[in-house]
Protein backbone atom coordinates (compact mmCIF):
# COMPACT_ATOMS: atom_id res chain seq x y z
CA MET A 1 -12.24 66.74 -38.27
CA PRO A 2 -13.81 64.03 -37.21
CA GLU A 3 -16.08 67.02 -35.69
CA LYS A 4 -18.59 64.45 -34.10
CA ASP A 5 -16.37 62.49 -32.85
CA LEU A 6 -14.77 64.76 -30.72
CA LYS A 7 -17.71 65.76 -29.95
CA THR A 8 -18.53 62.96 -28.76
CA LEU A 9 -16.01 62.20 -26.70
CA LEU A 10 -16.50 65.26 -24.89
CA SER A 11 -19.38 64.61 -23.63
CA GLU A 12 -18.15 61.14 -22.74
CA LEU A 13 -15.39 62.89 -20.99
CA ASN A 14 -17.94 64.98 -19.62
CA GLU A 15 -19.83 61.79 -17.69
CA ILE A 16 -17.32 60.63 -16.98
CA LEU A 17 -16.25 63.88 -14.56
CA ASP A 18 -20.03 65.00 -13.46
CA THR A 19 -20.26 61.69 -11.69
CA THR A 20 -16.75 62.27 -10.33
CA GLU A 21 -17.63 63.08 -6.48
CA GLU A 22 -14.01 65.09 -5.64
CA LEU A 23 -13.92 66.73 -8.48
CA ASP A 24 -11.91 70.41 -8.12
CA PRO A 25 -13.41 73.55 -9.21
CA GLU A 26 -9.89 74.51 -11.07
CA THR A 27 -10.05 70.85 -13.07
CA ARG A 28 -13.37 71.84 -13.98
CA ALA A 29 -12.54 74.95 -15.22
CA MET A 30 -9.34 73.64 -17.80
CA VAL A 31 -11.81 70.45 -18.94
CA VAL A 32 -14.64 73.82 -19.96
CA ASP A 33 -10.78 76.08 -21.51
CA LEU A 34 -10.81 72.69 -23.58
CA GLU A 35 -14.17 72.61 -25.20
CA ALA A 36 -13.75 76.56 -25.95
CA ASP A 37 -10.61 75.87 -27.19
CA ILE A 38 -11.64 72.89 -29.45
CA ASP A 39 -14.41 74.65 -30.62
CA ARG A 40 -12.19 77.24 -31.72
CA LEU A 41 -10.18 74.49 -33.55
CA LEU A 42 -13.47 73.58 -35.00
CA ASP A 43 -14.35 76.85 -36.43
CA THR A 44 -12.93 77.32 -39.58
CA GLU A 45 -13.34 81.12 -39.41
CA ASP A 46 -11.47 81.33 -35.99
CA GLU A 47 -7.79 81.68 -37.74
CA GLY A 48 -5.77 83.23 -34.67
CA MET A 49 -5.61 80.02 -32.77
CA ASP A 50 -2.84 79.79 -30.79
CA PHE A 51 -1.84 75.85 -30.99
CA ASP A 52 1.27 75.75 -28.79
CA THR A 53 -0.86 76.96 -26.29
CA PHE A 54 -3.52 74.64 -26.69
CA ARG A 55 -1.08 72.17 -26.62
CA GLU A 56 0.31 73.20 -23.23
CA GLY A 57 -2.89 73.22 -21.54
CA ALA A 58 -4.78 69.82 -23.18
CA GLN A 59 -1.09 68.31 -21.60
CA SER A 60 -1.51 69.86 -18.42
CA LEU A 61 -5.17 68.87 -17.35
CA GLN A 62 -3.89 64.85 -19.28
CA ALA A 63 -1.57 65.08 -16.22
CA ARG A 64 -3.53 66.01 -14.31
CA PHE A 65 -5.66 63.41 -15.19
CA ARG A 66 -3.28 60.62 -15.73
CA THR A 67 -2.87 60.95 -11.75
CA ASP A 68 -5.99 61.96 -10.24
CA TYR A 69 -9.21 60.89 -13.11
CA PRO A 70 -8.01 57.81 -14.98
CA MET A 71 -11.25 57.45 -15.93
CA ALA A 72 -11.09 60.31 -17.61
CA ASP A 73 -7.81 60.17 -19.16
CA ARG A 74 -8.51 56.96 -21.15
CA PHE A 75 -10.78 60.14 -23.13
CA LEU A 76 -8.82 63.00 -22.73
CA ARG A 77 -6.00 61.16 -24.52
CA GLU A 78 -8.69 59.92 -28.07
CA ILE A 79 -9.36 63.38 -28.40
CA MET A 80 -5.46 64.80 -28.48
CA ASP A 81 -4.67 61.55 -30.53
CA MET A 82 -7.94 62.55 -33.15
CA LEU A 83 -6.58 66.08 -32.77
CA ALA A 84 -2.55 65.26 -33.84
CA LYS A 85 -3.63 63.06 -36.49
CA VAL A 86 -5.24 66.47 -38.27
CA GLY A 87 -1.91 68.25 -37.06
CA ILE A 88 -2.98 69.76 -34.06
């Protein structure tokens, strides 16, 4: 999996969100959870990851971004596309 690419996209997503004045705490928490989940996905030792729960959370965040934060939505779409290409 292109770990560097995922980390770069997550970093860019955070940069955009850091410049967003009205980012609510719930959305910020969802992003933190997404990052933690991706770190777990990248950890080859962690076999207990629930991929369905991960996908549901990511899709929920993506729906929120699509509506409220269109610039951030692009980065999250790229992250999700990258994960889908490797079967996650």
